[in-house]
Amino acid sequence: MPTSTRPFEILFDLTNDTNVEIMFEMTSQSGRRIPSSILLGSGKSVSLVLEAGSTYNYTLQTSKRVWQISVKSWQDLSLIMSSVLSGSIPPSTLSGGISCSSW
């Protein structure tokens, strides 16, 4: 049975379930920030449409800390900020996932 080779889109939902504002920025593969950002207030969320199987890099920043996350998936995924802040991002699944580093 033939498989589709056409690209398809997935949703990446990011929710700020913390009580701090978080700056969300897309970054290049080299880590350079791209001049586009979203300020997520407490209780706010954003949904991004991504191409399945492609890698996307983002910077998340509070007033005290910065995180680099990399997203690659073949199905819709969600991320809640408390899991990033606590260092407990769910492990990657067979469909890809999210990796994170902070400084």
PDB file of N, CA and C in Angstrom:
ATOM      1  N   MET A   1       0.840  -1.167   0.000  1.00  0.00           N
ATOM      2  CA  MET A   1       0.000   0.000   0.000  1.00  0.00           C
ATOM      3  C   MET A   1       0.893   1.240   0.000  1.00  0.00           C
ATOM      4  N   PRO A   2       0.675   2.163  -0.922  1.00  0.00           N
ATOM      5  CA  PRO A   2       1.532   3.353  -0.990  1.00  0.00           C
ATOM      6  C   PRO A   2       1.324   4.278   0.213  1.00  0.00           C
ATOM      7  N   THR A   3       2.378   4.990   0.556  1.00  0.00           N
ATOM      8  CA  THR A   3       2.290   5.970   1.630  1.00  0.00           C
ATOM      9  C   THR A   3       2.380   7.372   1.038  1.00  0.00           C
ATOM     10  N   SER A   4       1.868   8.322   1.751  1.00  0.00           N
ATOM     11  CA  SER A   4       1.886   9.704   1.301  1.00  0.00           C
ATOM     12  C   SER A   4       3.258  10.312   1.562  1.00  0.00           C
ATOM     13  N   THR A   5       3.793  11.014   0.586  1.00  0.00           N
ATOM     14  CA  THR A   5       5.056  11.717   0.759  1.00  0.00           C
ATOM     15  C   THR A   5       4.842  13.223   0.844  1.00  0.00           C
ATOM     16  N   ARG A   6       3.597  13.639   0.865  1.00  0.00           N
ATOM     17  CA  ARG A   6       3.281  15.061   0.972  1.00  0.00           C
ATOM     18  C   ARG A   6       3.433  15.514   2.420  1.00  0.00           C
ATOM     19  N   PRO A   7       3.984  16.701   2.631  1.00  0.00           N
ATOM     20  CA  PRO A   7       4.096  17.212   3.995  1.00  0.00           C
ATOM     21  C   PRO A   7       2.716  17.489   4.584  1.00  0.00           C
ATOM     22  N   PHE A   8       2.609  17.338   5.892  1.00  0.00           N
ATOM     23  CA  PHE A   8       1.366  17.687   6.561  1.00  0.00           C
ATOM     24  C   PHE A   8       1.697  18.487   7.809  1.00  0.00           C
ATOM     25  N   GLU A   9       0.676  19.098   8.376  1.00  0.00           N
ATOM     26  CA  GLU A   9       0.881  20.011   9.496  1.00  0.00           C
ATOM     27  C   GLU A   9       0.400  19.410  10.807  1.00  0.00           C
ATOM     28  N   ILE A  10       1.049  19.850  11.873  1.00  0.00           N
ATOM     29  CA  ILE A  10       0.662  19.461  13.223  1.00  0.00           C
ATOM     30  C   ILE A  10       0.483  20.727  14.053  1.00  0.00           C
ATOM     31  N   LEU A  11      -0.154  20.603  15.201  1.00  0.00           N
ATOM     32  CA  LEU A  11      -0.302  21.725  16.134  1.00  0.00           C
ATOM     33  C   LEU A  11       0.617  21.529  17.331  1.00  0.00           C
ATOM     34  N   PHE A  12       1.288  22.593  17.712  1.00  0.00           N
ATOM     35  CA  PHE A  12       2.107  22.622  18.929  1.00  0.00           C
ATOM     36  C   PHE A  12       1.451  23.643  19.848  1.00  0.00           C
ATOM     37  N   ASP A  13       0.854  23.169  20.930  1.00  0.00           N
ATOM     38  CA  ASP A  13       0.169  24.041  21.894  1.00  0.00           C
ATOM     39  C   ASP A  13       1.080  24.286  23.087  1.00  0.00           C
ATOM     40  N   LEU A  14       1.322  25.543  23.397  1.00  0.00           N
ATOM     41  CA  LEU A  14       2.139  25.940  24.535  1.00  0.00           C
ATOM     42  C   LEU A  14       1.249  26.711  25.491  1.00  0.00           C
ATOM     43  N   THR A  15       1.166  26.254  26.742  1.00  0.00           N
ATOM     44  CA  THR A  15       0.299  26.886  27.737  1.00  0.00           C
ATOM     45  C   THR A  15       1.122  27.354  28.927  1.00  0.00           C
ATOM     46  N   ASN A  16       0.916  28.601  29.312  1.00  0.00           N
ATOM     47  CA  ASN A  16       1.579  29.143  30.494  1.00  0.00           C
ATOM     48  C   ASN A  16       0.658  28.951  31.699  1.00  0.00           C
ATOM     49  N   ASP A  17       0.878  27.879  32.435  1.00  0.00           N
ATOM     50  CA  ASP A  17       0.072  27.590  33.622  1.00  0.00           C
ATOM     51  C   ASP A  17       0.764  28.071  34.897  1.00  0.00           C
ATOM     52  N   THR A  18       1.762  28.953  34.744  1.00  0.00           N
ATOM     53  CA  THR A  18       2.484  29.488  35.899  1.00  0.00           C
ATOM     54  C   THR A  18       1.950  30.885  36.237  1.00  0.00           C
ATOM     55  N   ASN A  19       2.515  31.500  37.270  1.00  0.00           N
ATOM     56  CA  ASN A  19       2.094  32.850  37.641  1.00  0.00           C
ATOM     57  C   ASN A  19       3.085  33.919  37.171  1.00  0.00           C
ATOM     58  N   VAL A  20       3.984  33.566  36.245  1.00  0.00           N
ATOM     59  CA  VAL A  20       4.957  34.527  35.709  1.00  0.00           C
ATOM     60  C   VAL A  20       4.762  34.671  34.205  1.00  0.00           C
ATOM     61  N   GLU A  21       5.146  35.838  33.679  1.00  0.00           N
ATOM     62  CA  GLU A  21       5.105  36.044  32.236  1.00  0.00           C
ATOM     63  C   GLU A  21       6.299  35.345  31.598  1.00  0.00           C
ATOM     64  N   ILE A  22       6.078  34.801  30.411  1.00  0.00           N
ATOM     65  CA  ILE A  22       7.136  34.075  29.712  1.00  0.00           C
ATOM     66  C   ILE A  22       7.246  34.616  28.295  1.00  0.00           C
ATOM     67  N   MET A  23       8.484  34.959  27.905  1.00  0.00           N
ATOM     68  CA  MET A  23       8.765  35.404  26.544  1.00  0.00           C
ATOM     69  C   MET A  23       9.088  34.165  25.727  1.00  0.00           C
ATOM     70  N   PHE A  24       8.429  34.035  24.586  1.00  0.00           N
ATOM     71  CA  PHE A  24       8.555  32.871  23.713  1.00  0.00           C
ATOM     72  C   PHE A  24       9.075  33.360  22.376  1.00  0.00           C
ATOM     73  N   GLU A  25      10.268  32.892  21.945  1.00  0.00           N
ATOM     74  CA  GLU A  25      10.874  33.355  20.706  1.00  0.00           C
ATOM     75  C   GLU A  25      11.342  32.175  19.863  1.00  0.00           C
ATOM     76  N   MET A  26      11.177  32.289  18.561  1.00  0.00           N
ATOM     77  CA  MET A  26      11.735  31.295  17.650  1.00  0.00           C
ATOM     78  C   MET A  26      13.217  31.595  17.492  1.00  0.00           C
ATOM     79  N   THR A  27      14.050  30.550  17.431  1.00  0.00           N
ATOM     80  CA  THR A  27      15.485  30.733  17.228  1.00  0.00           C
ATOM     81  C   THR A  27      15.941  29.917  16.024  1.00  0.00           C
ATOM     82  N   SER A  28      17.052  30.322  15.447  1.00  0.00           N
ATOM     83  CA  SER A  28      17.608  29.570  14.326  1.00  0.00           C
ATOM     84  C   SER A  28      18.339  28.349  14.868  1.00  0.00           C
ATOM     85  N   GLN A  29      18.763  27.473  13.990  1.00  0.00           N
ATOM     86  CA  GLN A  29      19.476  26.266  14.426  1.00  0.00           C
ATOM     87  C   GLN A  29      20.774  26.619  15.131  1.00  0.00           C
ATOM     88  N   SER A  30      21.355  27.766  14.811  1.00  0.00           N
ATOM     89  CA  SER A  30      22.600  28.181  15.457  1.00  0.00           C
ATOM     90  C   SER A  30      22.350  28.833  16.817  1.00  0.00           C
ATOM     91  N   GLY A  31      21.069  28.995  17.194  1.00  0.00           N
ATOM     92  CA  GLY A  31      20.740  29.596  18.475  1.00  0.00           C
ATOM     93  C   GLY A  31      20.469  31.082  18.404  1.00  0.00           C
ATOM     94  N   ARG A  32      20.654  31.670  17.217  1.00  0.00           N
ATOM     95  CA  ARG A  32      20.405  33.106  17.046  1.00  0.00           C
ATOM     96  C   ARG A  32      18.899  33.362  17.088  1.00  0.00           C
ATOM     97  N   ARG A  33      18.500  34.373  17.834  1.00  0.00           N
ATOM     98  CA  ARG A  33      17.084  34.699  17.952  1.00  0.00           C
ATOM     99  C   ARG A  33      16.565  35.356  16.684  1.00  0.00           C
ATOM    100  N   ILE A  34      15.390  34.957  16.282  1.00  0.00           N
ATOM    101  CA  ILE A  34      14.710  35.542  15.131  1.00  0.00           C
ATOM    102  C   ILE A  34      13.794  36.639  15.677  1.00  0.00           C
ATOM    103  N   PRO A  35      13.789  37.824  15.073  1.00  0.00           N
ATOM    104  CA  PRO A  35      13.055  38.949  15.659  1.00  0.00           C
ATOM    105  C   PRO A  35      11.534  38.784  15.611  1.00  0.00           C
ATOM    106  N   SER A  36      11.046  37.835  16.345  1.00  0.00           N
ATOM    107  CA  SER A  36       9.614  37.595  16.467  1.00  0.00           C
ATOM    108  C   SER A  36       9.394  36.934  17.824  1.00  0.00           C
ATOM    109  N   SER A  37       8.548  37.516  18.637  1.00  0.00           N
ATOM    110  CA  SER A  37       8.353  36.959  19.969  1.00  0.00           C
ATOM    111  C   SER A  37       6.915  37.126  20.429  1.00  0.00           C
ATOM    112  N   ILE A  38       6.563  36.310  21.412  1.00  0.00           N
ATOM    113  CA  ILE A  38       5.233  36.337  22.005  1.00  0.00           C
ATOM    114  C   ILE A  38       5.419  36.407  23.512  1.00  0.00           C
ATOM    115  N   LEU A  39       4.726  37.326  24.168  1.00  0.00           N
ATOM    116  CA  LEU A  39       4.736  37.397  25.623  1.00  0.00           C
ATOM    117  C   LEU A  39       3.498  36.668  26.117  1.00  0.00           C
ATOM    118  N   LEU A  40       3.725  35.536  26.803  1.00  0.00           N
ATOM    119  CA  LEU A  40       2.617  34.731  27.322  1.00  0.00           C
ATOM    120  C   LEU A  40       2.394  35.068  28.788  1.00  0.00           C
ATOM    121  N   GLY A  41       1.281  35.690  29.084  1.00  0.00           N
ATOM    122  CA  GLY A  41       0.922  35.979  30.457  1.00  0.00           C
ATOM    123  C   GLY A  41       0.415  34.738  31.161  1.00  0.00           C
ATOM    124  N   SER A  42       0.246  34.835  32.444  1.00  0.00           N
ATOM    125  CA  SER A  42      -0.259  33.722  33.239  1.00  0.00           C
ATOM    126  C   SER A  42      -1.625  33.276  32.724  1.00  0.00           C
ATOM    127  N   GLY A  43      -1.775  31.970  32.504  1.00  0.00           N
ATOM    128  CA  GLY A  43      -3.038  31.427  32.036  1.00  0.00           C
ATOM    129  C   GLY A  43      -3.265  31.525  30.537  1.00  0.00           C
ATOM    130  N   LYS A  44      -2.320  32.076  29.813  1.00  0.00           N
ATOM    131  CA  LYS A  44      -2.463  32.233  28.361  1.00  0.00           C
ATOM    132  C   LYS A  44      -1.831  31.053  27.623  1.00  0.00           C
ATOM    133  N   SER A  45      -2.267  30.873  26.367  1.00  0.00           N
ATOM    134  CA  SER A  45      -1.690  29.810  25.548  1.00  0.00           C
ATOM    135  C   SER A  45      -1.569  30.289  24.110  1.00  0.00           C
ATOM    136  N   VAL A  46      -0.751  29.582  23.350  1.00  0.00           N
ATOM    137  CA  VAL A  46      -0.576  29.865  21.933  1.00  0.00           C
ATOM    138  C   VAL A  46      -0.481  28.516  21.214  1.00  0.00           C
ATOM    139  N   SER A  47      -1.062  28.457  20.022  1.00  0.00           N
ATOM    140  CA  SER A  47      -0.990  27.260  19.192  1.00  0.00           C
ATOM    141  C   SER A  47      -0.238  27.613  17.918  1.00  0.00           C
ATOM    142  N   LEU A  48       0.774  26.823  17.601  1.00  0.00           N
ATOM    143  CA  LEU A  48       1.572  27.044  16.402  1.00  0.00           C
ATOM    144  C   LEU A  48       1.347  25.893  15.430  1.00  0.00           C
ATOM    145  N   VAL A  49       1.286  26.220  14.168  1.00  0.00           N
ATOM    146  CA  VAL A  49       1.160  25.202  13.129  1.00  0.00           C
ATOM    147  C   VAL A  49       2.561  24.921  12.604  1.00  0.00           C
ATOM    148  N   LEU A  50       2.990  23.661  12.720  1.00  0.00           N
ATOM    149  CA  LEU A  50       4.326  23.248  12.305  1.00  0.00           C
ATOM    150  C   LEU A  50       4.229  22.189  11.221  1.00  0.00           C
ATOM    151  N   GLU A  51       5.280  22.067  10.443  1.00  0.00           N
ATOM    152  CA  GLU A  51       5.339  20.994   9.455  1.00  0.00           C
ATOM    153  C   GLU A  51       5.828  19.730  10.171  1.00  0.00           C
ATOM    154  N   ALA A  52       5.075  18.655  10.032  1.00  0.00           N
ATOM    155  CA  ALA A  52       5.411  17.403  10.705  1.00  0.00           C
ATOM    156  C   ALA A  52       6.801  16.928  10.292  1.00  0.00           C
ATOM    157  N   GLY A  53       7.576  16.465  11.273  1.00  0.00           N
ATOM    158  CA  GLY A  53       8.903  15.922  11.022  1.00  0.00           C
ATOM    159  C   GLY A  53      10.007  16.947  10.937  1.00  0.00           C
ATOM    160  N   SER A  54       9.675  18.230  10.926  1.00  0.00           N
ATOM    161  CA  SER A  54      10.693  19.280  10.893  1.00  0.00           C
ATOM    162  C   SER A  54      11.062  19.664  12.320  1.00  0.00           C
ATOM    163  N   THR A  55      12.282  20.130  12.497  1.00  0.00           N
ATOM    164  CA  THR A  55      12.753  20.546  13.812  1.00  0.00           C
ATOM    165  C   THR A  55      12.608  22.056  13.947  1.00  0.00           C
ATOM    166  N   TYR A  56      12.029  22.484  15.059  1.00  0.00           N
ATOM    167  CA  TYR A  56      11.849  23.900  15.372  1.00  0.00           C
ATOM    168  C   TYR A  56      12.515  24.187  16.702  1.00  0.00           C
ATOM    169  N   ASN A  57      13.210  25.321  16.782  1.00  0.00           N
ATOM    170  CA  ASN A  57      13.921  25.706  18.001  1.00  0.00           C
ATOM    171  C   ASN A  57      13.315  26.986  18.559  1.00  0.00           C
ATOM    172  N   TYR A  58      13.138  26.995  19.883  1.00  0.00           N
ATOM    173  CA  TYR A  58      12.536  28.135  20.560  1.00  0.00           C
ATOM    174  C   TYR A  58      13.320  28.478  21.819  1.00  0.00           C
ATOM    175  N   THR A  59      13.234  29.743  22.208  1.00  0.00           N
ATOM    176  CA  THR A  59      13.780  30.210  23.477  1.00  0.00           C
ATOM    177  C   THR A  59      12.611  30.637  24.354  1.00  0.00           C
ATOM    178  N   LEU A  60      12.585  30.142  25.573  1.00  0.00           N
ATOM    179  CA  LEU A  60      11.596  30.543  26.569  1.00  0.00           C
ATOM    180  C   LEU A  60      12.349  31.271  27.666  1.00  0.00           C
ATOM    181  N   GLN A  61      11.831  32.434  28.086  1.00  0.00           N
ATOM    182  CA  GLN A  61      12.565  33.241  29.042  1.00  0.00           C
ATOM    183  C   GLN A  61      11.639  33.859  30.077  1.00  0.00           C
ATOM    184  N   THR A  62      12.025  33.716  31.349  1.00  0.00           N
ATOM    185  CA  THR A  62      11.375  34.447  32.431  1.00  0.00           C
ATOM    186  C   THR A  62      12.360  35.527  32.870  1.00  0.00           C
ATOM    187  N   SER A  63      12.012  36.272  33.889  1.00  0.00           N
ATOM    188  CA  SER A  63      12.923  37.313  34.365  1.00  0.00           C
ATOM    189  C   SER A  63      14.171  36.712  35.015  1.00  0.00           C
ATOM    190  N   LYS A  64      14.143  35.419  35.347  1.00  0.00           N
ATOM    191  CA  LYS A  64      15.265  34.804  36.055  1.00  0.00           C
ATOM    192  C   LYS A  64      16.009  33.720  35.291  1.00  0.00           C
ATOM    193  N   ARG A  65      15.411  33.178  34.226  1.00  0.00           N
ATOM    194  CA  ARG A  65      16.009  32.008  33.593  1.00  0.00           C
ATOM    195  C   ARG A  65      15.643  31.923  32.112  1.00  0.00           C
ATOM    196  N   VAL A  66      16.476  31.202  31.347  1.00  0.00           N
ATOM    197  CA  VAL A  66      16.267  31.016  29.914  1.00  0.00           C
ATOM    198  C   VAL A  66      16.327  29.524  29.598  1.00  0.00           C
ATOM    199  N   TRP A  67      15.432  29.061  28.729  1.00  0.00           N
ATOM    200  CA  TRP A  67      15.402  27.666  28.280  1.00  0.00           C
ATOM    201  C   TRP A  67      15.454  27.641  26.767  1.00  0.00           C
ATOM    202  N   GLN A  68      16.161  26.675  26.219  1.00  0.00           N
ATOM    203  CA  GLN A  68      16.145  26.395  24.790  1.00  0.00           C
ATOM    204  C   GLN A  68      15.362  25.098  24.618  1.00  0.00           C
ATOM    205  N   ILE A  69      14.352  25.114  23.762  1.00  0.00           N
ATOM    206  CA  ILE A  69      13.640  23.873  23.495  1.00  0.00           C
ATOM    207  C   ILE A  69      13.683  23.585  22.001  1.00  0.00           C
ATOM    208  N   SER A  70      13.686  22.317  21.689  1.00  0.00           N
ATOM    209  CA  SER A  70      13.673  21.849  20.319  1.00  0.00           C
ATOM    210  C   SER A  70      12.456  20.952  20.161  1.00  0.00           C
ATOM    211  N   VAL A  71      11.678  21.183  19.118  1.00  0.00           N
ATOM    212  CA  VAL A  71      10.433  20.441  18.904  1.00  0.00           C
ATOM    213  C   VAL A  71      10.493  19.749  17.550  1.00  0.00           C
ATOM    214  N   LYS A  72      10.229  18.448  17.541  1.00  0.00           N
ATOM    215  CA  LYS A  72      10.131  17.680  16.298  1.00  0.00           C
ATOM    216  C   LYS A  72       9.111  16.583  16.540  1.00  0.00           C
ATOM    217  N   SER A  73       8.063  16.566  15.743  1.00  0.00           N
ATOM    218  CA  SER A  73       7.015  15.576  15.962  1.00  0.00           C
ATOM    219  C   SER A  73       6.276  15.282  14.670  1.00  0.00           C
ATOM    220  N   TRP A  74       5.567  14.159  14.677  1.00  0.00           N
ATOM    221  CA  TRP A  74       4.735  13.763  13.551  1.00  0.00           C
ATOM    222  C   TRP A  74       3.263  13.764  13.939  1.00  0.00           C
ATOM    223  N   GLN A  75       2.971  14.263  15.152  1.00  0.00           N
ATOM    224  CA  GLN A  75       1.581  14.383  15.589  1.00  0.00           C
ATOM    225  C   GLN A  75       1.464  15.592  16.513  1.00  0.00           C
ATOM    226  N   ASP A  76       0.239  16.063  16.742  1.00  0.00           N
ATOM    227  CA  ASP A  76       0.016  17.223  17.603  1.00  0.00           C
ATOM    228  C   ASP A  76       0.631  16.983  18.973  1.00  0.00           C
ATOM    229  N   LEU A  77       1.194  18.057  19.557  1.00  0.00           N
ATOM    230  CA  LEU A  77       1.696  17.935  20.921  1.00  0.00           C
ATOM    231  C   LEU A  77       1.483  19.206  21.702  1.00  0.00           C
ATOM    232  N   SER A  78       1.499  19.048  23.020  1.00  0.00           N
ATOM    233  CA  SER A  78       1.261  20.161  23.939  1.00  0.00           C
ATOM    234  C   SER A  78       2.386  20.248  24.941  1.00  0.00           C
ATOM    235  N   LEU A  79       2.629  21.457  25.409  1.00  0.00           N
ATOM    236  CA  LEU A  79       3.635  21.678  26.444  1.00  0.00           C
ATOM    237  C   LEU A  79       3.079  22.684  27.433  1.00  0.00           C
ATOM    238  N   ILE A  80       3.114  22.328  28.704  1.00  0.00           N
ATOM    239  CA  ILE A  80       2.724  23.278  29.740  1.00  0.00           C
ATOM    240  C   ILE A  80       3.994  23.799  30.402  1.00  0.00           C
ATOM    241  N   MET A  81       4.023  25.086  30.657  1.00  0.00           N
ATOM    242  CA  MET A  81       5.241  25.729  31.139  1.00  0.00           C
ATOM    243  C   MET A  81       5.717  25.212  32.487  1.00  0.00           C
ATOM    244  N   SER A  82       4.807  24.784  33.356  1.00  0.00           N
ATOM    245  CA  SER A  82       5.259  24.279  34.656  1.00  0.00           C
ATOM    246  C   SER A  82       6.164  23.063  34.495  1.00  0.00           C
ATOM    247  N   SER A  83       5.970  22.275  33.420  1.00  0.00           N
ATOM    248  CA  SER A  83       6.843  21.126  33.204  1.00  0.00           C
ATOM    249  C   SER A  83       8.241  21.573  32.774  1.00  0.00           C
ATOM    250  N   VAL A  84       8.342  22.683  32.055  1.00  0.00           N
ATOM    251  CA  VAL A  84       9.650  23.223  31.680  1.00  0.00           C
ATOM    252  C   VAL A  84      10.342  23.795  32.915  1.00  0.00           C
ATOM    253  N   LEU A  85       9.629  24.615  33.689  1.00  0.00           N
ATOM    254  CA  LEU A  85      10.218  25.250  34.855  1.00  0.00           C
ATOM    255  C   LEU A  85      10.668  24.236  35.908  1.00  0.00           C
ATOM    256  N   SER A  86       9.943  23.128  36.025  1.00  0.00           N
ATOM    257  CA  SER A  86      10.305  22.118  37.025  1.00  0.00           C
ATOM    258  C   SER A  86      11.308  21.101  36.486  1.00  0.00           C
ATOM    259  N   GLY A  87      11.599  21.167  35.186  1.00  0.00           N
ATOM    260  CA  GLY A  87      12.536  20.219  34.593  1.00  0.00           C
ATOM    261  C   GLY A  87      11.947  18.850  34.352  1.00  0.00           C
ATOM    262  N   SER A  88      10.625  18.760  34.298  1.00  0.00           N
ATOM    263  CA  SER A  88       9.985  17.450  34.139  1.00  0.00           C
ATOM    264  C   SER A  88       9.229  17.336  32.823  1.00  0.00           C
ATOM    265  N   ILE A  89       9.882  17.721  31.725  1.00  0.00           N
ATOM    266  CA  ILE A  89       9.249  17.574  30.417  1.00  0.00           C
ATOM    267  C   ILE A  89       9.029  16.093  30.173  1.00  0.00           C
ATOM    268  N   PRO A  90       7.846  15.719  29.709  1.00  0.00           N
ATOM    269  CA  PRO A  90       7.581  14.303  29.464  1.00  0.00           C
ATOM    270  C   PRO A  90       8.585  13.728  28.467  1.00  0.00           C
ATOM    271  N   PRO A  91       8.952  12.461  28.628  1.00  0.00           N
ATOM    272  CA  PRO A  91       9.927  11.867  27.707  1.00  0.00           C
ATOM    273  C   PRO A  91       9.389  11.824  26.281  1.00  0.00           C
ATOM    274  N   SER A  92      10.303  11.819  25.339  1.00  0.00           N
ATOM    275  CA  SER A  92       9.910  11.742  23.928  1.00  0.00           C
ATOM    276  C   SER A  92       9.157  10.448  23.669  1.00  0.00           C
ATOM    277  N   THR A  93       8.236  10.521  22.737  1.00  0.00           N
ATOM    278  CA  THR A  93       7.468   9.343  22.365  1.00  0.00           C
ATOM    279  C   THR A  93       7.964   8.846  21.018  1.00  0.00           C
ATOM    280  N   LEU A  94       7.376   7.792  20.521  1.00  0.00           N
ATOM    281  CA  LEU A  94       7.757   7.263  19.215  1.00  0.00           C
ATOM    282  C   LEU A  94       7.497   8.267  18.107  1.00  0.00           C
ATOM    283  N   SER A  95       6.622   9.229  18.345  1.00  0.00           N
ATOM    284  CA  SER A  95       6.289  10.207  17.309  1.00  0.00           C
ATOM    285  C   SER A  95       7.215  11.415  17.319  1.00  0.00           C
ATOM    286  N   GLY A  96       8.256  11.394  18.105  1.00  0.00           N
ATOM    287  CA  GLY A  96       9.127  12.546  18.230  1.00  0.00           C
ATOM    288  C   GLY A  96       8.840  13.215  19.553  1.00  0.00           C
ATOM    289  N   GLY A  97       9.234  14.442  19.723  1.00  0.00           N
ATOM    290  CA  GLY A  97       8.946  15.088  20.987  1.00  0.00           C
ATOM    291  C   GLY A  97       9.686  16.379  21.181  1.00  0.00           C
ATOM    292  N   ILE A  98       9.948  16.675  22.460  1.00  0.00           N
ATOM    293  CA  ILE A  98      10.503  17.957  22.869  1.00  0.00           C
ATOM    294  C   ILE A  98      11.752  17.695  23.699  1.00  0.00           C
ATOM    295  N   SER A  99      12.818  18.418  23.427  1.00  0.00           N
ATOM    296  CA  SER A  99      13.996  18.363  24.284  1.00  0.00           C
ATOM    297  C   SER A  99      14.240  19.760  24.821  1.00  0.00           C
ATOM    298  N   CYS A 100      14.902  19.857  25.952  1.00  0.00           N
ATOM    299  CA  CYS A 100      15.038  21.141  26.626  1.00  0.00           C
ATOM    300  C   CYS A 100      16.391  21.258  27.319  1.00  0.00           C
ATOM    301  N   SER A 101      16.953  22.459  27.299  1.00  0.00           N
ATOM    302  CA  SER A 101      18.133  22.771  28.098  1.00  0.00           C
ATOM    303  C   SER A 101      17.933  24.174  28.671  1.00  0.00           C
ATOM    304  N   SER A 102      18.586  24.462  29.782  1.00  0.00           N
ATOM    305  CA  SER A 102      18.408  25.778  30.395  1.00  0.00           C
ATOM    306  C   SER A 102      19.732  26.309  30.892  1.00  0.00           C
ATOM    307  N   TRP A 103      19.752  27.619  31.160  1.00  0.00           N
ATOM    308  CA  TRP A 103      20.908  28.269  31.783  1.00  0.00           C
ATOM    309  C   TRP A 103      20.455  29.465  32.538  1.00  0.00           C
TER     310      TRP A 103
END
